[in-house]
Amino acid sequence: MSAAADDDLWSAIGDPTRRRMLDLLLADGDGTATGLSERLPVTRQAVAKHLGVLDRVGLVHATPAGREKRYRVDEAQLARAVAQLSSVGAAWDTRLRHIKRIAEAVQRAKDERGTRP
């Protein structure tokens, strides 16, 4: 996946309403814009737009169901996103450990200068 596609994916996941929608869809197995709007503090039209964003990045897939569409989470795409997030987290853990070592070395140097006669 390209960096632009990753940016789109993370932008989609970054919205709290869309994360809540993913939670609801995962818990229920699937859902419609109408059903989700009844459980969220946004209009059906807003839910439909959010579902469109999630669909474009591949996190949900729509199936026609009468006059509505039923949305289901693509668990493989979600698992891929989780793996990416874990990788980013591990990289930041490494960076933060390095920063901590530098800060501790600076502090030791200060302490040593402070104890000299």
PDB file of N, CA and C in Angstrom:
ATOM      1  N   MET A   1       0.840  -1.172   0.000  1.00  0.00           N
ATOM      2  CA  MET A   1       0.000   0.000   0.000  1.00  0.00           C
ATOM      3  C   MET A   1       0.884   1.233   0.000  1.00  0.00           C
ATOM      4  N   SER A   2       0.485   2.269  -0.704  1.00  0.00           N
ATOM      5  CA  SER A   2       1.300   3.467  -0.813  1.00  0.00           C
ATOM      6  C   SER A   2       1.152   4.329   0.434  1.00  0.00           C
ATOM      7  N   ALA A   3       2.083   5.278   0.571  1.00  0.00           N
ATOM      8  CA  ALA A   3       2.029   6.192   1.716  1.00  0.00           C
ATOM      9  C   ALA A   3       0.748   7.017   1.690  1.00  0.00           C
ATOM     10  N   ALA A   4       0.310   7.433   0.497  1.00  0.00           N
ATOM     11  CA  ALA A   4      -0.925   8.212   0.384  1.00  0.00           C
ATOM     12  C   ALA A   4      -2.122   7.380   0.834  1.00  0.00           C
ATOM     13  N   ALA A   5      -2.147   6.112   0.442  1.00  0.00           N
ATOM     14  CA  ALA A   5      -3.243   5.237   0.865  1.00  0.00           C
ATOM     15  C   ALA A   5      -3.197   5.035   2.375  1.00  0.00           C
ATOM     16  N   ASP A   6      -1.999   4.883   2.928  1.00  0.00           N
ATOM     17  CA  ASP A   6      -1.869   4.764   4.379  1.00  0.00           C
ATOM     18  C   ASP A   6      -2.370   6.023   5.063  1.00  0.00           C
ATOM     19  N   ASP A   7      -2.029   7.190   4.516  1.00  0.00           N
ATOM     20  CA  ASP A   7      -2.503   8.456   5.085  1.00  0.00           C
ATOM     21  C   ASP A   7      -4.025   8.508   5.073  1.00  0.00           C
ATOM     22  N   ASP A   8      -4.628   8.082   3.962  1.00  0.00           N
ATOM     23  CA  ASP A   8      -6.089   8.060   3.871  1.00  0.00           C
ATOM     24  C   ASP A   8      -6.684   7.107   4.907  1.00  0.00           C
ATOM     25  N   LEU A   9      -6.048   5.940   5.061  1.00  0.00           N
ATOM     26  CA  LEU A   9      -6.519   4.956   6.038  1.00  0.00           C
ATOM     27  C   LEU A   9      -6.469   5.539   7.445  1.00  0.00           C
ATOM     28  N   TRP A  10      -5.328   6.135   7.805  1.00  0.00           N
ATOM     29  CA  TRP A  10      -5.188   6.671   9.156  1.00  0.00           C
ATOM     30  C   TRP A  10      -6.040   7.907   9.375  1.00  0.00           C
ATOM     31  N   SER A  11      -6.265   8.677   8.326  1.00  0.00           N
ATOM     32  CA  SER A  11      -7.175   9.812   8.437  1.00  0.00           C
ATOM     33  C   SER A  11      -8.597   9.313   8.718  1.00  0.00           C
ATOM     34  N   ALA A  12      -8.985   8.243   8.046  1.00  0.00           N
ATOM     35  CA  ALA A  12     -10.317   7.667   8.258  1.00  0.00           C
ATOM     36  C   ALA A  12     -10.460   7.139   9.680  1.00  0.00           C
ATOM     37  N   ILE A  13      -9.452   6.438  10.154  1.00  0.00           N
ATOM     38  CA  ILE A  13      -9.502   5.863  11.497  1.00  0.00           C
ATOM     39  C   ILE A  13      -9.374   6.945  12.570  1.00  0.00           C
ATOM     40  N   GLY A  14      -8.739   8.057  12.207  1.00  0.00           N
ATOM     41  CA  GLY A  14      -8.492   9.122  13.182  1.00  0.00           C
ATOM     42  C   GLY A  14      -9.749   9.829  13.671  1.00  0.00           C
ATOM     43  N   ASP A  15     -10.827   9.709  12.947  1.00  0.00           N
ATOM     44  CA  ASP A  15     -12.062  10.391  13.341  1.00  0.00           C
ATOM     45  C   ASP A  15     -12.798   9.580  14.407  1.00  0.00           C
ATOM     46  N   PRO A  16     -13.125  10.203  15.558  1.00  0.00           N
ATOM     47  CA  PRO A  16     -13.777   9.455  16.643  1.00  0.00           C
ATOM     48  C   PRO A  16     -15.144   8.881  16.262  1.00  0.00           C
ATOM     49  N   THR A  17     -15.899   9.576  15.428  1.00  0.00           N
ATOM     50  CA  THR A  17     -17.207   9.049  15.019  1.00  0.00           C
ATOM     51  C   THR A  17     -17.018   7.791  14.180  1.00  0.00           C
ATOM     52  N   ARG A  18     -16.044   7.808  13.276  1.00  0.00           N
ATOM     53  CA  ARG A  18     -15.806   6.620  12.452  1.00  0.00           C
ATOM     54  C   ARG A  18     -15.288   5.455  13.295  1.00  0.00           C
ATOM     55  N   ARG A  19     -14.453   5.753  14.292  1.00  0.00           N
ATOM     56  CA  ARG A  19     -13.997   4.666  15.179  1.00  0.00           C
ATOM     57  C   ARG A  19     -15.174   4.058  15.920  1.00  0.00           C
ATOM     58  N   ARG A  20     -16.077   4.890  16.386  1.00  0.00           N
ATOM     59  CA  ARG A  20     -17.272   4.385  17.088  1.00  0.00           C
ATOM     60  C   ARG A  20     -18.125   3.547  16.146  1.00  0.00           C
ATOM     61  N   MET A  21     -18.241   3.986  14.891  1.00  0.00           N
ATOM     62  CA  MET A  21     -19.010   3.222  13.909  1.00  0.00           C
ATOM     63  C   MET A  21     -18.370   1.854  13.676  1.00  0.00           C
ATOM     64  N   LEU A  22     -17.046   1.823  13.566  1.00  0.00           N
ATOM     65  CA  LEU A  22     -16.356   0.542  13.413  1.00  0.00           C
ATOM     66  C   LEU A  22     -16.625  -0.360  14.611  1.00  0.00           C
ATOM     67  N   ASP A  23     -16.585   0.214  15.823  1.00  0.00           N
ATOM     68  CA  ASP A  23     -16.881  -0.567  17.030  1.00  0.00           C
ATOM     69  C   ASP A  23     -18.281  -1.175  16.957  1.00  0.00           C
ATOM     70  N   LEU A  24     -19.258  -0.355  16.570  1.00  0.00           N
ATOM     71  CA  LEU A  24     -20.644  -0.838  16.493  1.00  0.00           C
ATOM     72  C   LEU A  24     -20.792  -1.925  15.429  1.00  0.00           C
ATOM     73  N   LEU A  25     -20.177  -1.697  14.268  1.00  0.00           N
ATOM     74  CA  LEU A  25     -20.272  -2.696  13.204  1.00  0.00           C
ATOM     75  C   LEU A  25     -19.591  -3.997  13.600  1.00  0.00           C
ATOM     76  N   LEU A  26     -18.462  -3.912  14.274  1.00  0.00           N
ATOM     77  CA  LEU A  26     -17.783  -5.124  14.736  1.00  0.00           C
ATOM     78  C   LEU A  26     -18.626  -5.865  15.766  1.00  0.00           C
ATOM     79  N   ALA A  27     -19.247  -5.129  16.664  1.00  0.00           N
ATOM     80  CA  ALA A  27     -20.063  -5.747  17.711  1.00  0.00           C
ATOM     81  C   ALA A  27     -21.309  -6.408  17.133  1.00  0.00           C
ATOM     82  N   ASP A  28     -21.917  -5.749  16.137  1.00  0.00           N
ATOM     83  CA  ASP A  28     -23.184  -6.239  15.576  1.00  0.00           C
ATOM     84  C   ASP A  28     -23.004  -7.156  14.369  1.00  0.00           C
ATOM     85  N   GLY A  29     -21.834  -7.160  13.772  1.00  0.00           N
ATOM     86  CA  GLY A  29     -21.607  -7.943  12.563  1.00  0.00           C
ATOM     87  C   GLY A  29     -21.801  -7.138  11.295  1.00  0.00           C
ATOM     88  N   ASP A  30     -22.815  -6.290  11.269  1.00  0.00           N
ATOM     89  CA  ASP A  30     -23.047  -5.380  10.152  1.00  0.00           C
ATOM     90  C   ASP A  30     -24.071  -4.349  10.576  1.00  0.00           C
ATOM     91  N   GLY A  31     -24.370  -3.405   9.683  1.00  0.00           N
ATOM     92  CA  GLY A  31     -25.360  -2.391  10.012  1.00  0.00           C
ATOM     93  C   GLY A  31     -25.632  -1.473   8.835  1.00  0.00           C
ATOM     94  N   THR A  32     -26.663  -0.666   8.991  1.00  0.00           N
ATOM     95  CA  THR A  32     -27.046   0.302   7.964  1.00  0.00           C
ATOM     96  C   THR A  32     -26.803   1.709   8.495  1.00  0.00           C
ATOM     97  N   ALA A  33     -26.808   2.671   7.586  1.00  0.00           N
ATOM     98  CA  ALA A  33     -26.649   4.066   7.996  1.00  0.00           C
ATOM     99  C   ALA A  33     -27.777   4.474   8.949  1.00  0.00           C
ATOM    100  N   THR A  34     -28.992   4.018   8.664  1.00  0.00           N
ATOM    101  CA  THR A  34     -30.130   4.358   9.525  1.00  0.00           C
ATOM    102  C   THR A  34     -29.947   3.773  10.916  1.00  0.00           C
ATOM    103  N   GLY A  35     -29.589   2.505  10.976  1.00  0.00           N
ATOM    104  CA  GLY A  35     -29.391   1.858  12.270  1.00  0.00           C
ATOM    105  C   GLY A  35     -28.275   2.489  13.074  1.00  0.00           C
ATOM    106  N   LEU A  36     -27.181   2.823  12.400  1.00  0.00           N
ATOM    107  CA  LEU A  36     -26.061   3.461  13.111  1.00  0.00           C
ATOM    108  C   LEU A  36     -26.433   4.860  13.587  1.00  0.00           C
ATOM    109  N   SER A  37     -27.192   5.595  12.772  1.00  0.00           N
ATOM    110  CA  SER A  37     -27.550   6.968  13.156  1.00  0.00           C
ATOM    111  C   SER A  37     -28.434   6.988  14.395  1.00  0.00           C
ATOM    112  N   GLU A  38     -29.179   5.903  14.621  1.00  0.00           N
ATOM    113  CA  GLU A  38     -30.016   5.819  15.819  1.00  0.00           C
ATOM    114  C   GLU A  38     -29.179   5.632  17.078  1.00  0.00           C
ATOM    115  N   ARG A  39     -27.930   5.210  16.920  1.00  0.00           N
ATOM    116  CA  ARG A  39     -27.070   4.926  18.073  1.00  0.00           C
ATOM    117  C   ARG A  39     -25.938   5.941  18.220  1.00  0.00           C
ATOM    118  N   LEU A  40     -25.881   6.900  17.307  1.00  0.00           N
ATOM    119  CA  LEU A  40     -24.816   7.901  17.333  1.00  0.00           C
ATOM    120  C   LEU A  40     -25.422   9.304  17.367  1.00  0.00           C
ATOM    121  N   PRO A  41     -24.672  10.262  17.871  1.00  0.00           N
ATOM    122  CA  PRO A  41     -25.213  11.628  17.965  1.00  0.00           C
ATOM    123  C   PRO A  41     -25.032  12.427  16.671  1.00  0.00           C
ATOM    124  N   VAL A  42     -25.206  11.763  15.516  1.00  0.00           N
ATOM    125  CA  VAL A  42     -25.099  12.437  14.223  1.00  0.00           C
ATOM    126  C   VAL A  42     -26.260  11.994  13.336  1.00  0.00           C
ATOM    127  N   THR A  43     -26.509  12.768  12.305  1.00  0.00           N
ATOM    128  CA  THR A  43     -27.627  12.461  11.409  1.00  0.00           C
ATOM    129  C   THR A  43     -27.310  11.258  10.531  1.00  0.00           C
ATOM    130  N   ARG A  44     -28.361  10.720   9.923  1.00  0.00           N
ATOM    131  CA  ARG A  44     -28.189   9.610   8.998  1.00  0.00           C
ATOM    132  C   ARG A  44     -27.296  10.030   7.834  1.00  0.00           C
ATOM    133  N   GLN A  45     -27.469  11.262   7.347  1.00  0.00           N
ATOM    134  CA  GLN A  45     -26.654  11.754   6.242  1.00  0.00           C
ATOM    135  C   GLN A  45     -25.178  11.807   6.635  1.00  0.00           C
ATOM    136  N   ALA A  46     -24.895  12.237   7.856  1.00  0.00           N
ATOM    137  CA  ALA A  46     -23.506  12.281   8.330  1.00  0.00           C
ATOM    138  C   ALA A  46     -22.942  10.869   8.435  1.00  0.00           C
ATOM    139  N   VAL A  47     -23.753   9.952   8.948  1.00  0.00           N
ATOM    140  CA  VAL A  47     -23.316   8.551   9.050  1.00  0.00           C
ATOM    141  C   VAL A  47     -23.007   8.006   7.653  1.00  0.00           C
ATOM    142  N   ALA A  48     -23.862   8.286   6.687  1.00  0.00           N
ATOM    143  CA  ALA A  48     -23.647   7.806   5.317  1.00  0.00           C
ATOM    144  C   ALA A  48     -22.333   8.349   4.756  1.00  0.00           C
ATOM    145  N   LYS A  49     -22.034   9.606   5.034  1.00  0.00           N
ATOM    146  CA  LYS A  49     -20.767  10.182   4.559  1.00  0.00           C
ATOM    147  C   LYS A  49     -19.577   9.500   5.234  1.00  0.00           C
ATOM    148  N   HIS A  50     -19.676   9.273   6.530  1.00  0.00           N
ATOM    149  CA  HIS A  50     -18.601   8.583   7.255  1.00  0.00           C
ATOM    150  C   HIS A  50     -18.410   7.159   6.713  1.00  0.00           C
ATOM    151  N   LEU A  51     -19.518   6.479   6.441  1.00  0.00           N
ATOM    152  CA  LEU A  51     -19.426   5.126   5.883  1.00  0.00           C
ATOM    153  C   LEU A  51     -18.776   5.157   4.503  1.00  0.00           C
ATOM    154  N   GLY A  52     -19.043   6.198   3.738  1.00  0.00           N
ATOM    155  CA  GLY A  52     -18.408   6.350   2.427  1.00  0.00           C
ATOM    156  C   GLY A  52     -16.893   6.468   2.553  1.00  0.00           C
ATOM    157  N   VAL A  53     -16.440   7.216   3.553  1.00  0.00           N
ATOM    158  CA  VAL A  53     -14.993   7.357   3.795  1.00  0.00           C
ATOM    159  C   VAL A  53     -14.405   5.999   4.163  1.00  0.00           C
ATOM    160  N   LEU A  54     -15.052   5.296   5.077  1.00  0.00           N
ATOM    161  CA  LEU A  54     -14.562   3.980   5.501  1.00  0.00           C
ATOM    162  C   LEU A  54     -14.562   2.988   4.338  1.00  0.00           C
ATOM    163  N   ASP A  55     -15.548   3.096   3.474  1.00  0.00           N
ATOM    164  CA  ASP A  55     -15.630   2.213   2.312  1.00  0.00           C
ATOM    165  C   ASP A  55     -14.498   2.518   1.329  1.00  0.00           C
ATOM    166  N   ARG A  56     -14.213   3.787   1.088  1.00  0.00           N
ATOM    167  CA  ARG A  56     -13.150   4.161   0.145  1.00  0.00           C
ATOM    168  C   ARG A  56     -11.779   3.644   0.565  1.00  0.00           C
ATOM    169  N   VAL A  57     -11.531   3.563   1.874  1.00  0.00           N
ATOM    170  CA  VAL A  57     -10.225   3.066   2.335  1.00  0.00           C
ATOM    171  C   VAL A  57     -10.241   1.563   2.583  1.00  0.00           C
ATOM    172  N   GLY A  58     -11.372   0.930   2.322  1.00  0.00           N
ATOM    173  CA  GLY A  58     -11.452  -0.522   2.410  1.00  0.00           C
ATOM    174  C   GLY A  58     -11.717  -1.087   3.789  1.00  0.00           C
ATOM    175  N   LEU A  59     -12.071  -0.237   4.749  1.00  0.00           N
ATOM    176  CA  LEU A  59     -12.335  -0.739   6.100  1.00  0.00           C
ATOM    177  C   LEU A  59     -13.729  -1.343   6.238  1.00  0.00           C
ATOM    178  N   VAL A  60     -14.655  -0.930   5.382  1.00  0.00           N
ATOM    179  CA  VAL A  60     -15.984  -1.537   5.351  1.00  0.00           C
ATOM    180  C   VAL A  60     -16.348  -1.809   3.900  1.00  0.00           C
ATOM    181  N   HIS A  61     -17.289  -2.731   3.725  1.00  0.00           N
ATOM    182  CA  HIS A  61     -17.823  -3.038   2.397  1.00  0.00           C
ATOM    183  C   HIS A  61     -19.338  -3.018   2.492  1.00  0.00           C
ATOM    184  N   ALA A  62     -19.960  -2.469   1.455  1.00  0.00           N
ATOM    185  CA  ALA A  62     -21.414  -2.338   1.432  1.00  0.00           C
ATOM    186  C   ALA A  62     -22.042  -3.403   0.547  1.00  0.00           C
ATOM    187  N   THR A  63     -23.195  -3.887   1.006  1.00  0.00           N
ATOM    188  CA  THR A  63     -23.996  -4.827   0.239  1.00  0.00           C
ATOM    189  C   THR A  63     -25.400  -4.246   0.147  1.00  0.00           C
ATOM    190  N   PRO A  64     -25.964  -4.122  -1.066  1.00  0.00           N
ATOM    191  CA  PRO A  64     -27.326  -3.600  -1.175  1.00  0.00           C
ATOM    192  C   PRO A  64     -28.318  -4.462  -0.388  1.00  0.00           C
ATOM    193  N   ALA A  65     -29.212  -3.788   0.320  1.00  0.00           N
ATOM    194  CA  ALA A  65     -30.258  -4.479   1.082  1.00  0.00           C
ATOM    195  C   ALA A  65     -31.535  -3.639   0.976  1.00  0.00           C
ATOM    196  N   GLY A  66     -32.298  -3.885  -0.072  1.00  0.00           N
ATOM    197  CA  GLY A  66     -33.502  -3.083  -0.298  1.00  0.00           C
ATOM    198  C   GLY A  66     -33.111  -1.659  -0.654  1.00  0.00           C
ATOM    199  N   ARG A  67     -33.679  -0.698   0.066  1.00  0.00           N
ATOM    200  CA  ARG A  67     -33.388   0.705  -0.213  1.00  0.00           C
ATOM    201  C   ARG A  67     -32.125   1.191   0.481  1.00  0.00           C
ATOM    202  N   GLU A  68     -31.533   0.347   1.301  1.00  0.00           N
ATOM    203  CA  GLU A  68     -30.326   0.737   2.035  1.00  0.00           C
ATOM    204  C   GLU A  68     -29.173  -0.168   1.651  1.00  0.00           C
ATOM    205  N   LYS A  69     -28.046   0.124   2.263  1.00  0.00           N
ATOM    206  CA  LYS A  69     -26.872  -0.731   2.133  1.00  0.00           C
ATOM    207  C   LYS A  69     -26.520  -1.236   3.521  1.00  0.00           C
ATOM    208  N   ARG A  70     -26.097  -2.486   3.572  1.00  0.00           N
ATOM    209  CA  ARG A  70     -25.596  -3.053   4.829  1.00  0.00           C
ATOM    210  C   ARG A  70     -24.085  -3.008   4.767  1.00  0.00           C
ATOM    211  N   TYR A  71     -23.493  -2.495   5.817  1.00  0.00           N
ATOM    212  CA  TYR A  71     -22.037  -2.355   5.880  1.00  0.00           C
ATOM    213  C   TYR A  71     -21.459  -3.372   6.845  1.00  0.00           C
ATOM    214  N   ARG A  72     -20.332  -3.947   6.430  1.00  0.00           N
ATOM    215  CA  ARG A  72     -19.618  -4.935   7.240  1.00  0.00           C
ATOM    216  C   ARG A  72     -18.144  -4.536   7.243  1.00  0.00           C
ATOM    217  N   VAL A  73     -17.503  -4.685   8.405  1.00  0.00           N
ATOM    218  CA  VAL A  73     -16.086  -4.364   8.526  1.00  0.00           C
ATOM    219  C   VAL A  73     -15.260  -5.398   7.784  1.00  0.00           C
ATOM    220  N   ASP A  74     -14.270  -4.926   7.039  1.00  0.00           N
ATOM    221  CA  ASP A  74     -13.308  -5.823   6.396  1.00  0.00           C
ATOM    222  C   ASP A  74     -12.239  -6.110   7.451  1.00  0.00           C
ATOM    223  N   GLU A  75     -12.363  -7.258   8.094  1.00  0.00           N
ATOM    224  CA  GLU A  75     -11.476  -7.568   9.220  1.00  0.00           C
ATOM    225  C   GLU A  75     -10.023  -7.727   8.791  1.00  0.00           C
ATOM    226  N   ALA A  76      -9.779  -8.153   7.559  1.00  0.00           N
ATOM    227  CA  ALA A  76      -8.398  -8.274   7.073  1.00  0.00           C
ATOM    228  C   ALA A  76      -7.756  -6.886   6.960  1.00  0.00           C
ATOM    229  N   GLN A  77      -8.510  -5.923   6.436  1.00  0.00           N
ATOM    230  CA  GLN A  77      -7.983  -4.550   6.314  1.00  0.00           C
ATOM    231  C   GLN A  77      -7.799  -3.937   7.698  1.00  0.00           C
ATOM    232  N   LEU A  78      -8.711  -4.214   8.607  1.00  0.00           N
ATOM    233  CA  LEU A  78      -8.582  -3.699   9.970  1.00  0.00           C
ATOM    234  C   LEU A  78      -7.364  -4.326  10.654  1.00  0.00           C
ATOM    235  N   ALA A  79      -7.154  -5.619  10.451  1.00  0.00           N
ATOM    236  CA  ALA A  79      -5.986  -6.293  11.032  1.00  0.00           C
ATOM    237  C   ALA A  79      -4.695  -5.711  10.467  1.00  0.00           C
ATOM    238  N   ARG A  80      -4.705  -5.372   9.188  1.00  0.00           N
ATOM    239  CA  ARG A  80      -3.543  -4.737   8.563  1.00  0.00           C
ATOM    240  C   ARG A  80      -3.271  -3.384   9.208  1.00  0.00           C
ATOM    241  N   ALA A  81      -4.327  -2.623   9.470  1.00  0.00           N
ATOM    242  CA  ALA A  81      -4.172  -1.321  10.119  1.00  0.00           C
ATOM    243  C   ALA A  81      -3.620  -1.487  11.534  1.00  0.00           C
ATOM    244  N   VAL A  82      -4.113  -2.492  12.252  1.00  0.00           N
ATOM    245  CA  VAL A  82      -3.623  -2.759  13.610  1.00  0.00           C
ATOM    246  C   VAL A  82      -2.141  -3.133  13.568  1.00  0.00           C
ATOM    247  N   ALA A  83      -1.751  -3.949  12.587  1.00  0.00           N
ATOM    248  CA  ALA A  83      -0.340  -4.337  12.459  1.00  0.00           C
ATOM    249  C   ALA A  83       0.527  -3.117  12.170  1.00  0.00           C
ATOM    250  N   GLN A  84       0.044  -2.220  11.315  1.00  0.00           N
ATOM    251  CA  GLN A  84       0.790  -0.994  11.031  1.00  0.00           C
ATOM    252  C   GLN A  84       0.932  -0.152  12.289  1.00  0.00           C
ATOM    253  N   LEU A  85      -0.135  -0.033  13.041  1.00  0.00           N
ATOM    254  CA  LEU A  85      -0.094   0.761  14.267  1.00  0.00           C
ATOM    255  C   LEU A  85       0.872   0.148  15.270  1.00  0.00           C
ATOM    256  N   SER A  86       0.888  -1.167  15.369  1.00  0.00           N
ATOM    257  CA  SER A  86       1.833  -1.840  16.258  1.00  0.00           C
ATOM    258  C   SER A  86       3.265  -1.568  15.829  1.00  0.00           C
ATOM    259  N   SER A  87       3.502  -1.567  14.529  1.00  0.00           N
ATOM    260  CA  SER A  87       4.836  -1.288  14.007  1.00  0.00           C
ATOM    261  C   SER A  87       5.255   0.145  14.318  1.00  0.00           C
ATOM    262  N   VAL A  88       4.344   1.078  14.134  1.00  0.00           N
ATOM    263  CA  VAL A  88       4.633   2.481  14.455  1.00  0.00           C
ATOM    264  C   VAL A  88       4.900   2.617  15.953  1.00  0.00           C
ATOM    265  N   GLY A  89       4.099   1.950  16.770  1.00  0.00           N
ATOM    266  CA  GLY A  89       4.298   1.989  18.220  1.00  0.00           C
ATOM    267  C   GLY A  89       5.650   1.446  18.623  1.00  0.00           C
ATOM    268  N   ALA A  90       6.058   0.347  18.007  1.00  0.00           N
ATOM    269  CA  ALA A  90       7.369  -0.247  18.316  1.00  0.00           C
ATOM    270  C   ALA A  90       8.495   0.692  17.913  1.00  0.00           C
ATOM    271  N   ALA A  91       8.351   1.334  16.760  1.00  0.00           N
ATOM    272  CA  ALA A  91       9.378   2.282  16.310  1.00  0.00           C
ATOM    273  C   ALA A  91       9.490   3.450  17.280  1.00  0.00           C
ATOM    274  N   TRP A  92       8.357   3.958  17.765  1.00  0.00           N
ATOM    275  CA  TRP A  92       8.398   5.064  18.723  1.00  0.00           C
ATOM    276  C   TRP A  92       8.949   4.608  20.064  1.00  0.00           C
ATOM    277  N   ASP A  93       8.646   3.398  20.479  1.00  0.00           N
ATOM    278  CA  ASP A  93       9.236   2.876  21.721  1.00  0.00           C
ATOM    279  C   ASP A  93      10.754   2.881  21.628  1.00  0.00           C
ATOM    280  N   THR A  94      11.281   2.462  20.476  1.00  0.00           N
ATOM    281  CA  THR A  94      12.733   2.459  20.267  1.00  0.00           C
ATOM    282  C   THR A  94      13.284   3.886  20.336  1.00  0.00           C
ATOM    283  N   ARG A  95      12.629   4.812  19.666  1.00  0.00           N
ATOM    284  CA  ARG A  95      13.068   6.214  19.697  1.00  0.00           C
ATOM    285  C   ARG A  95      13.049   6.761  21.119  1.00  0.00           C
ATOM    286  N   LEU A  96      11.991   6.480  21.833  1.00  0.00           N
ATOM    287  CA  LEU A  96      11.870   7.010  23.198  1.00  0.00           C
ATOM    288  C   LEU A  96      12.912   6.414  24.134  1.00  0.00           C
ATOM    289  N   ARG A  97      13.241   5.140  23.961  1.00  0.00           N
ATOM    290  CA  ARG A  97      14.321   4.544  24.765  1.00  0.00           C
ATOM    291  C   ARG A  97      15.647   5.236  24.474  1.00  0.00           C
ATOM    292  N   HIS A  98      15.888   5.558  23.217  1.00  0.00           N
ATOM    293  CA  HIS A  98      17.107   6.251  22.826  1.00  0.00           C
ATOM    294  C   HIS A  98      17.150   7.656  23.454  1.00  0.00           C
ATOM    295  N   ILE A  99      16.048   8.356  23.394  1.00  0.00           N
ATOM    296  CA  ILE A  99      15.965   9.697  24.000  1.00  0.00           C
ATOM    297  C   ILE A  99      16.194   9.604  25.504  1.00  0.00           C
ATOM    298  N   LYS A 100      15.627   8.590  26.131  1.00  0.00           N
ATOM    299  CA  LYS A 100      15.804   8.407  27.569  1.00  0.00           C
ATOM    300  C   LYS A 100      17.279   8.186  27.908  1.00  0.00           C
ATOM    301  N   ARG A 101      17.957   7.359  27.121  1.00  0.00           N
ATOM    302  CA  ARG A 101      19.393   7.126  27.362  1.00  0.00           C
ATOM    303  C   ARG A 101      20.194   8.421  27.234  1.00  0.00           C
ATOM    304  N   ILE A 102      19.879   9.233  26.247  1.00  0.00           N
ATOM    305  CA  ILE A 102      20.566  10.513  26.069  1.00  0.00           C
ATOM    306  C   ILE A 102      20.305  11.422  27.262  1.00  0.00           C
ATOM    307  N   ALA A 103      19.042  11.513  27.689  1.00  0.00           N
ATOM    308  CA  ALA A 103      18.689  12.372  28.826  1.00  0.00           C
ATOM    309  C   ALA A 103      19.395  11.903  30.100  1.00  0.00           C
ATOM    310  N   GLU A 104      19.456  10.586  30.291  1.00  0.00           N
ATOM    311  CA  GLU A 104      20.147  10.061  31.476  1.00  0.00           C
ATOM    312  C   GLU A 104      21.642  10.369  31.420  1.00  0.00           C
ATOM    313  N   ALA A 105      22.252  10.293  30.231  1.00  0.00           N
ATOM    314  CA  ALA A 105      23.677  10.611  30.085  1.00  0.00           C
ATOM    315  C   ALA A 105      23.924  12.087  30.366  1.00  0.00           C
ATOM    316  N   VAL A 106      23.053  12.944  29.889  1.00  0.00           N
ATOM    317  CA  VAL A 106      23.173  14.383  30.156  1.00  0.00           C
ATOM    318  C   VAL A 106      23.048  14.640  31.653  1.00  0.00           C
ATOM    319  N   GLN A 107      22.086  13.978  32.304  1.00  0.00           N
ATOM    320  CA  GLN A 107      21.899  14.166  33.743  1.00  0.00           C
ATOM    321  C   GLN A 107      23.118  13.686  34.527  1.00  0.00           C
ATOM    322  N   ARG A 108      23.675  12.527  34.146  1.00  0.00           N
ATOM    323  CA  ARG A 108      24.884  12.024  34.818  1.00  0.00           C
ATOM    324  C   ARG A 108      26.034  13.013  34.666  1.00  0.00           C
ATOM    325  N   ALA A 109      26.190  13.573  33.472  1.00  0.00           N
ATOM    326  CA  ALA A 109      27.266  14.551  33.243  1.00  0.00           C
ATOM    327  C   ALA A 109      27.066  15.779  34.123  1.00  0.00           C
ATOM    328  N   LYS A 110      25.826  16.241  34.265  1.00  0.00           N
ATOM    329  CA  LYS A 110      25.535  17.382  35.141  1.00  0.00           C
ATOM    330  C   LYS A 110      25.848  17.037  36.588  1.00  0.00           C
ATOM    331  N   ASP A 111      25.431  15.835  37.003  1.00  0.00           N
ATOM    332  CA  ASP A 111      25.667  15.413  38.381  1.00  0.00           C
ATOM    333  C   ASP A 111      27.165  15.330  38.675  1.00  0.00           C
ATOM    334  N   GLU A 112      27.945  14.809  37.714  1.00  0.00           N
ATOM    335  CA  GLU A 112      29.382  14.689  37.904  1.00  0.00           C
ATOM    336  C   GLU A 112      30.046  16.057  38.008  1.00  0.00           C
ATOM    337  N   ARG A 113      29.592  17.010  37.214  1.00  0.00           N
ATOM    338  CA  ARG A 113      30.154  18.367  37.278  1.00  0.00           C
ATOM    339  C   ARG A 113      29.779  19.023  38.597  1.00  0.00           C
ATOM    340  N   GLY A 114      28.604  18.720  39.101  1.00  0.00           N
ATOM    341  CA  GLY A 114      28.149  19.324  40.355  1.00  0.00           C
ATOM    342  C   GLY A 114      28.864  18.776  41.589  1.00  0.00           C
ATOM    343  N   THR A 115      29.446  17.591  41.518  1.00  0.00           N
ATOM    344  CA  THR A 115      30.108  16.993  42.690  1.00  0.00           C
ATOM    345  C   THR A 115      31.599  17.243  42.700  1.00  0.00           C
ATOM    346  N   ARG A 116      32.145  17.876  41.663  1.00  0.00           N
ATOM    347  CA  ARG A 116      33.582  18.166  41.624  1.00  0.00           C
ATOM    348  C   ARG A 116      33.900  19.330  42.554  1.00  0.00           C
ATOM    349  N   PRO A 117      35.081  19.260  43.225  1.00  0.00           N
ATOM    350  CA  PRO A 117      35.461  20.369  44.124  1.00  0.00           C
ATOM    351  C   PRO A 117      35.851  21.619  43.387  1.00  0.00           C
TER     352      PRO A 117
END
